[in-house]
Amino acid sequence: MDWSTFYLGLAGAAATVTGLLFIAVQINMDTLVSGIGERSSAIARATFTLFALLVVLPLIYLIPGINLKGQAIFTVLVSGFGIVRVLRSWLPAWTSMIRRGVRERLWETAWLLIAPIIVYAFIIYNSYGLLTLDQSAQTILQTNIAICLVGLFSIALRNSWNLIFEATYQRKRENLQSGPK
């Protein structure tokens, strides 16, 4: 099976939504910076990293000279980088929450950290399998990686929605609290 169409579609969709996210962040910059704090910043950074990796990985897979083992090695490296970036994005938010004793939205915030790490770990596991297993298992492992990439895209879309919704909600709440002018 040729994976080119899937990778082209994924890279194009991720690039398009990344552009829309840039516009949405610019429109809501005041609210994002002043109102929501570390959690919103962590969502924005983690989401940008997800979209960037969802553009880069498929484009690497489309380079004609890179064989399956090369793709697997690159995927392990990029996924490891993704885990590091997710942890670095969320560390300030978690530190702040622990310091202030904030328990509000704790599970949701934990899930925003844990979900991408689980998917990245599964991608690394399947990529390692591509390096070590025989030809018959390669199609299954490639399919697993593709499903994981779709999962990362879904997480990034959810994060984008949360980011925009929270900014809008914060702005509306502030307008209601300040009263009519």
C-alpha atoms as a PDB file:
ATOM      1  CA  MET A   1       0.000   0.000   0.000  1.00  0.00           C
ATOM      2  CA  ASP A   2       1.197   3.496  -0.810  1.00  0.00           C
ATOM      3  CA  TRP A   3       1.049   5.840   2.170  1.00  0.00           C
ATOM      4  CA  SER A   4       1.803   9.029   0.219  1.00  0.00           C
ATOM      5  CA  THR A   5      -1.806  10.185   0.001  1.00  0.00           C
ATOM      6  CA  PHE A   6      -2.333   9.746   3.743  1.00  0.00           C
ATOM      7  CA  TYR A   7       0.852  11.629   4.613  1.00  0.00           C
ATOM      8  CA  LEU A   8       0.074  14.449   2.168  1.00  0.00           C
ATOM      9  CA  GLY A   9      -3.421  14.799   3.623  1.00  0.00           C
ATOM     10  CA  LEU A  10      -2.170  14.769   7.209  1.00  0.00           C
ATOM     11  CA  ALA A  11       0.601  17.301   6.576  1.00  0.00           C
ATOM     12  CA  GLY A  12      -1.790  19.574   4.676  1.00  0.00           C
ATOM     13  CA  ALA A  13      -4.486  19.385   7.346  1.00  0.00           C
ATOM     14  CA  ALA A  14      -2.002  20.019  10.153  1.00  0.00           C
ATOM     15  CA  ALA A  15      -0.460  22.982   8.324  1.00  0.00           C
ATOM     16  CA  THR A  16      -3.887  24.474   7.608  1.00  0.00           C
ATOM     17  CA  VAL A  17      -5.128  24.158  11.173  1.00  0.00           C
ATOM     18  CA  THR A  18      -1.808  25.531  12.462  1.00  0.00           C
ATOM     19  CA  GLY A  19      -2.367  28.650  10.360  1.00  0.00           C
ATOM     20  CA  LEU A  20      -5.895  29.007  11.710  1.00  0.00           C
ATOM     21  CA  LEU A  21      -4.572  28.560  15.244  1.00  0.00           C
ATOM     22  CA  PHE A  22      -2.061  31.379  14.674  1.00  0.00           C
ATOM     23  CA  ILE A  23      -4.890  33.689  13.617  1.00  0.00           C
ATOM     24  CA  ALA A  24      -7.079  32.684  16.559  1.00  0.00           C
ATOM     25  CA  VAL A  25      -4.238  33.190  19.033  1.00  0.00           C
ATOM     26  CA  GLN A  26      -3.506  36.629  17.577  1.00  0.00           C
ATOM     27  CA  ILE A  27      -7.164  37.655  17.861  1.00  0.00           C
ATOM     28  CA  ASN A  28      -7.339  36.467  21.481  1.00  0.00           C
ATOM     29  CA  MET A  29      -3.814  37.438  22.562  1.00  0.00           C
ATOM     30  CA  ASP A  30      -4.873  39.894  25.309  1.00  0.00           C
ATOM     31  CA  THR A  31      -7.197  37.364  26.883  1.00  0.00           C
ATOM     32  CA  LEU A  32      -4.702  34.537  26.594  1.00  0.00           C
ATOM     33  CA  VAL A  33      -1.891  36.528  28.158  1.00  0.00           C
ATOM     34  CA  SER A  34      -3.805  38.238  30.944  1.00  0.00           C
ATOM     35  CA  GLY A  35      -6.710  36.027  31.805  1.00  0.00           C
ATOM     36  CA  ILE A  36      -5.963  32.352  31.837  1.00  0.00           C
ATOM     37  CA  GLY A  37      -2.286  32.146  32.754  1.00  0.00           C
ATOM     38  CA  GLU A  38       0.068  29.197  32.731  1.00  0.00           C
ATOM     39  CA  ARG A  39      -2.512  26.589  31.725  1.00  0.00           C
ATOM     40  CA  SER A  40      -3.436  28.432  28.557  1.00  0.00           C
ATOM     41  CA  SER A  41       0.187  29.057  27.714  1.00  0.00           C
ATOM     42  CA  ALA A  42       0.953  25.354  28.196  1.00  0.00           C
ATOM     43  CA  ILE A  43      -1.946  24.380  25.932  1.00  0.00           C
ATOM     44  CA  ALA A  44      -0.730  26.795  23.248  1.00  0.00           C
ATOM     45  CA  ARG A  45       2.885  25.569  23.365  1.00  0.00           C
ATOM     46  CA  ALA A  46       1.946  21.882  23.478  1.00  0.00           C
ATOM     47  CA  THR A  47      -0.543  22.296  20.628  1.00  0.00           C
ATOM     48  CA  PHE A  48       1.953  24.109  18.438  1.00  0.00           C
ATOM     49  CA  THR A  49       4.456  21.297  19.045  1.00  0.00           C
ATOM     50  CA  LEU A  50       1.846  18.684  18.093  1.00  0.00           C
ATOM     51  CA  PHE A  51       0.971  20.478  14.869  1.00  0.00           C
ATOM     52  CA  ALA A  52       4.640  21.071  14.000  1.00  0.00           C
ATOM     53  CA  LEU A  53       5.421  17.379  14.428  1.00  0.00           C
ATOM     54  CA  LEU A  54       2.320  16.461  12.430  1.00  0.00           C
ATOM     55  CA  VAL A  55       3.658  18.537   9.546  1.00  0.00           C
ATOM     56  CA  VAL A  56       7.298  17.450   9.797  1.00  0.00           C
ATOM     57  CA  LEU A  57       6.835  13.678  10.215  1.00  0.00           C
ATOM     58  CA  PRO A  58       4.630  13.143   7.146  1.00  0.00           C
ATOM     59  CA  LEU A  59       6.913  15.328   5.052  1.00  0.00           C
ATOM     60  CA  ILE A  60       9.920  13.240   6.112  1.00  0.00           C
ATOM     61  CA  TYR A  61       7.972  10.094   5.198  1.00  0.00           C
ATOM     62  CA  LEU A  62       7.472  11.528   1.712  1.00  0.00           C
ATOM     63  CA  ILE A  63      11.187  11.994   0.993  1.00  0.00           C
ATOM     64  CA  PRO A  64      11.898   9.357  -1.681  1.00  0.00           C
ATOM     65  CA  GLY A  65      15.385   8.309  -0.568  1.00  0.00           C
ATOM     66  CA  ILE A  66      14.531   7.479   3.055  1.00  0.00           C
ATOM     67  CA  ASN A  67      13.774   3.799   3.605  1.00  0.00           C
ATOM     68  CA  LEU A  68      11.460   2.378   6.271  1.00  0.00           C
ATOM     69  CA  LYS A  69      14.246   1.965   8.832  1.00  0.00           C
ATOM     70  CA  GLY A  70      15.311   5.577   8.335  1.00  0.00           C
ATOM     71  CA  GLN A  71      11.717   6.675   8.809  1.00  0.00           C
ATOM     72  CA  ALA A  72      11.487   4.580  11.978  1.00  0.00           C
ATOM     73  CA  ILE A  73      14.669   6.101  13.434  1.00  0.00           C
ATOM     74  CA  PHE A  74      13.497   9.619  12.602  1.00  0.00           C
ATOM     75  CA  THR A  75      10.068   8.868  14.100  1.00  0.00           C
ATOM     76  CA  VAL A  76      11.624   7.668  17.361  1.00  0.00           C
ATOM     77  CA  LEU A  77      13.747  10.825  17.559  1.00  0.00           C
ATOM     78  CA  VAL A  78      10.850  13.166  16.738  1.00  0.00           C
ATOM     79  CA  SER A  79       8.519  11.388  19.167  1.00  0.00           C
ATOM     80  CA  GLY A  80      11.150  11.603  21.900  1.00  0.00           C
ATOM     81  CA  PHE A  81      11.448  15.313  21.161  1.00  0.00           C
ATOM     82  CA  GLY A  82       7.642  15.552  21.369  1.00  0.00           C
ATOM     83  CA  ILE A  83       7.640  13.981  24.838  1.00  0.00           C
ATOM     84  CA  VAL A  84      10.332  16.398  26.029  1.00  0.00           C
ATOM     85  CA  ARG A  85       8.420  19.391  24.611  1.00  0.00           C
ATOM     86  CA  VAL A  86       5.129  18.299  26.193  1.00  0.00           C
ATOM     87  CA  LEU A  87       6.837  17.938  29.569  1.00  0.00           C
ATOM     88  CA  ARG A  88       8.586  21.315  29.184  1.00  0.00           C
ATOM     89  CA  SER A  89       5.326  22.962  28.139  1.00  0.00           C
ATOM     90  CA  TRP A  90       3.391  21.675  31.129  1.00  0.00           C
ATOM     91  CA  LEU A  91       6.090  21.930  33.829  1.00  0.00           C
ATOM     92  CA  PRO A  92       5.443  25.647  34.582  1.00  0.00           C
ATOM     93  CA  ALA A  93       1.673  25.090  34.739  1.00  0.00           C
ATOM     94  CA  TRP A  94       2.006  22.120  37.080  1.00  0.00           C
ATOM     95  CA  THR A  95       4.558  23.910  39.261  1.00  0.00           C
ATOM     96  CA  SER A  96       2.228  26.883  39.575  1.00  0.00           C
ATOM     97  CA  MET A  97      -0.802  24.697  40.339  1.00  0.00           C
ATOM     98  CA  ILE A  98       1.060  22.780  43.039  1.00  0.00           C
ATOM     99  CA  ARG A  99       2.521  25.938  44.585  1.00  0.00           C
ATOM    100  CA  ARG A 100      -0.877  27.631  44.746  1.00  0.00           C
ATOM    101  CA  GLY A 101      -2.702  24.463  45.797  1.00  0.00           C
ATOM    102  CA  VAL A 102      -5.089  24.697  42.840  1.00  0.00           C
ATOM    103  CA  ARG A 103      -7.264  21.619  42.427  1.00  0.00           C
ATOM    104  CA  GLU A 104      -9.679  23.092  39.891  1.00  0.00           C
ATOM    105  CA  ARG A 105      -9.608  21.227  36.574  1.00  0.00           C
ATOM    106  CA  LEU A 106      -6.791  19.010  37.847  1.00  0.00           C
ATOM    107  CA  TRP A 107      -7.885  15.868  35.977  1.00  0.00           C
ATOM    108  CA  GLU A 108      -8.428  17.763  32.715  1.00  0.00           C
ATOM    109  CA  THR A 109      -5.019  19.378  33.040  1.00  0.00           C
ATOM    110  CA  ALA A 110      -3.412  16.007  33.797  1.00  0.00           C
ATOM    111  CA  TRP A 111      -5.076  14.490  30.749  1.00  0.00           C
ATOM    112  CA  LEU A 112      -3.699  17.275  28.525  1.00  0.00           C
ATOM    113  CA  LEU A 113      -0.222  16.139  29.612  1.00  0.00           C
ATOM    114  CA  ILE A 114      -0.758  12.375  29.742  1.00  0.00           C
ATOM    115  CA  ALA A 115      -2.638  11.781  26.449  1.00  0.00           C
ATOM    116  CA  PRO A 116       0.115  13.001  24.102  1.00  0.00           C
ATOM    117  CA  ILE A 117       2.794  11.168  26.100  1.00  0.00           C
ATOM    118  CA  ILE A 118       0.851   7.898  25.797  1.00  0.00           C
ATOM    119  CA  VAL A 119       0.446   8.349  22.035  1.00  0.00           C
ATOM    120  CA  TYR A 120       4.114   9.309  21.571  1.00  0.00           C
ATOM    121  CA  ALA A 121       5.164   6.247  23.582  1.00  0.00           C
ATOM    122  CA  PHE A 122       3.003   4.005  21.389  1.00  0.00           C
ATOM    123  CA  ILE A 123       4.529   5.570  18.264  1.00  0.00           C
ATOM    124  CA  ILE A 124       8.033   4.920  19.636  1.00  0.00           C
ATOM    125  CA  TYR A 125       7.096   1.325  20.468  1.00  0.00           C
ATOM    126  CA  ASN A 126       5.764   0.700  16.941  1.00  0.00           C
ATOM    127  CA  SER A 127       8.715   2.487  15.326  1.00  0.00           C
ATOM    128  CA  TYR A 128      11.113   0.316  17.281  1.00  0.00           C
ATOM    129  CA  GLY A 129       9.143  -2.671  16.002  1.00  0.00           C
ATOM    130  CA  LEU A 130       9.772  -1.500  12.443  1.00  0.00           C
ATOM    131  CA  LEU A 131      13.493  -1.643  13.162  1.00  0.00           C
ATOM    132  CA  THR A 132      13.453  -5.151  14.588  1.00  0.00           C
ATOM    133  CA  LEU A 133      10.587  -7.162  13.084  1.00  0.00           C
ATOM    134  CA  ASP A 134      10.221  -8.971   9.799  1.00  0.00           C
ATOM    135  CA  GLN A 135       8.457  -7.746   6.664  1.00  0.00           C
ATOM    136  CA  SER A 136       5.089  -9.322   7.522  1.00  0.00           C
ATOM    137  CA  ALA A 137       4.609  -7.113  10.587  1.00  0.00           C
ATOM    138  CA  GLN A 138       5.587  -3.855   8.862  1.00  0.00           C
ATOM    139  CA  THR A 139       2.147  -3.082   7.448  1.00  0.00           C
ATOM    140  CA  ILE A 140       0.507  -3.516  10.840  1.00  0.00           C
ATOM    141  CA  LEU A 141       3.111  -1.332  12.540  1.00  0.00           C
ATOM    142  CA  GLN A 142       2.838   1.357   9.865  1.00  0.00           C
ATOM    143  CA  THR A 143      -0.938   1.311  10.286  1.00  0.00           C
ATOM    144  CA  ASN A 144      -0.549   1.631  14.067  1.00  0.00           C
ATOM    145  CA  ILE A 145       1.743   4.632  13.613  1.00  0.00           C
ATOM    146  CA  ALA A 146      -0.723   6.222  11.172  1.00  0.00           C
ATOM    147  CA  ILE A 147      -3.563   5.734  13.668  1.00  0.00           C
ATOM    148  CA  CYS A 148      -1.393   7.315  16.370  1.00  0.00           C
ATOM    149  CA  LEU A 149      -0.717  10.303  14.117  1.00  0.00           C
ATOM    150  CA  VAL A 150      -4.456  10.711  13.624  1.00  0.00           C
ATOM    151  CA  GLY A 151      -4.784  10.488  17.422  1.00  0.00           C
ATOM    152  CA  LEU A 152      -2.212  13.264  17.855  1.00  0.00           C
ATOM    153  CA  PHE A 153      -4.098  15.344  15.296  1.00  0.00           C
ATOM    154  CA  SER A 154      -7.304  14.818  17.297  1.00  0.00           C
ATOM    155  CA  ILE A 155      -5.549  15.874  20.507  1.00  0.00           C
ATOM    156  CA  ALA A 156      -4.198  18.988  18.784  1.00  0.00           C
ATOM    157  CA  LEU A 157      -7.668  19.859  17.469  1.00  0.00           C
ATOM    158  CA  ARG A 158      -9.162  19.405  20.938  1.00  0.00           C
ATOM    159  CA  ASN A 159      -6.417  21.580  22.460  1.00  0.00           C
ATOM    160  CA  SER A 160      -7.033  24.262  19.830  1.00  0.00           C
ATOM    161  CA  TRP A 161     -10.734  24.245  20.573  1.00  0.00           C
ATOM    162  CA  ASN A 162     -10.090  24.445  24.320  1.00  0.00           C
ATOM    163  CA  LEU A 163      -7.674  27.315  23.825  1.00  0.00           C
ATOM    164  CA  ILE A 164     -10.077  29.368  21.721  1.00  0.00           C
ATOM    165  CA  PHE A 165     -13.131  28.513  23.813  1.00  0.00           C
ATOM    166  CA  GLU A 166     -11.388  29.398  27.078  1.00  0.00           C
ATOM    167  CA  ALA A 167     -10.215  32.723  25.687  1.00  0.00           C
ATOM    168  CA  THR A 168     -13.706  33.600  24.494  1.00  0.00           C
ATOM    169  CA  TYR A 169     -15.255  32.429  27.760  1.00  0.00           C
ATOM    170  CA  GLN A 170     -12.768  34.481  29.784  1.00  0.00           C
ATOM    171  CA  ARG A 171     -13.490  37.599  27.722  1.00  0.00           C
ATOM    172  CA  LYS A 172     -17.264  37.174  28.099  1.00  0.00           C
ATOM    173  CA  ARG A 173     -16.915  36.594  31.849  1.00  0.00           C
ATOM    174  CA  GLU A 174     -14.814  39.732  32.247  1.00  0.00           C
ATOM    175  CA  ASN A 175     -17.359  41.763  30.248  1.00  0.00           C
ATOM    176  CA  LEU A 176     -20.201  40.502  32.439  1.00  0.00           C
ATOM    177  CA  GLN A 177     -18.273  41.275  35.636  1.00  0.00           C
ATOM    178  CA  SER A 178     -17.364  44.796  34.546  1.00  0.00           C
ATOM    179  CA  GLY A 179     -20.973  45.530  33.650  1.00  0.00           C
ATOM    180  CA  PRO A 180     -22.385  47.623  30.843  1.00  0.00           C
ATOM    181  CA  LYS A 181     -20.503  50.717  29.810  1.00  0.00           C
END
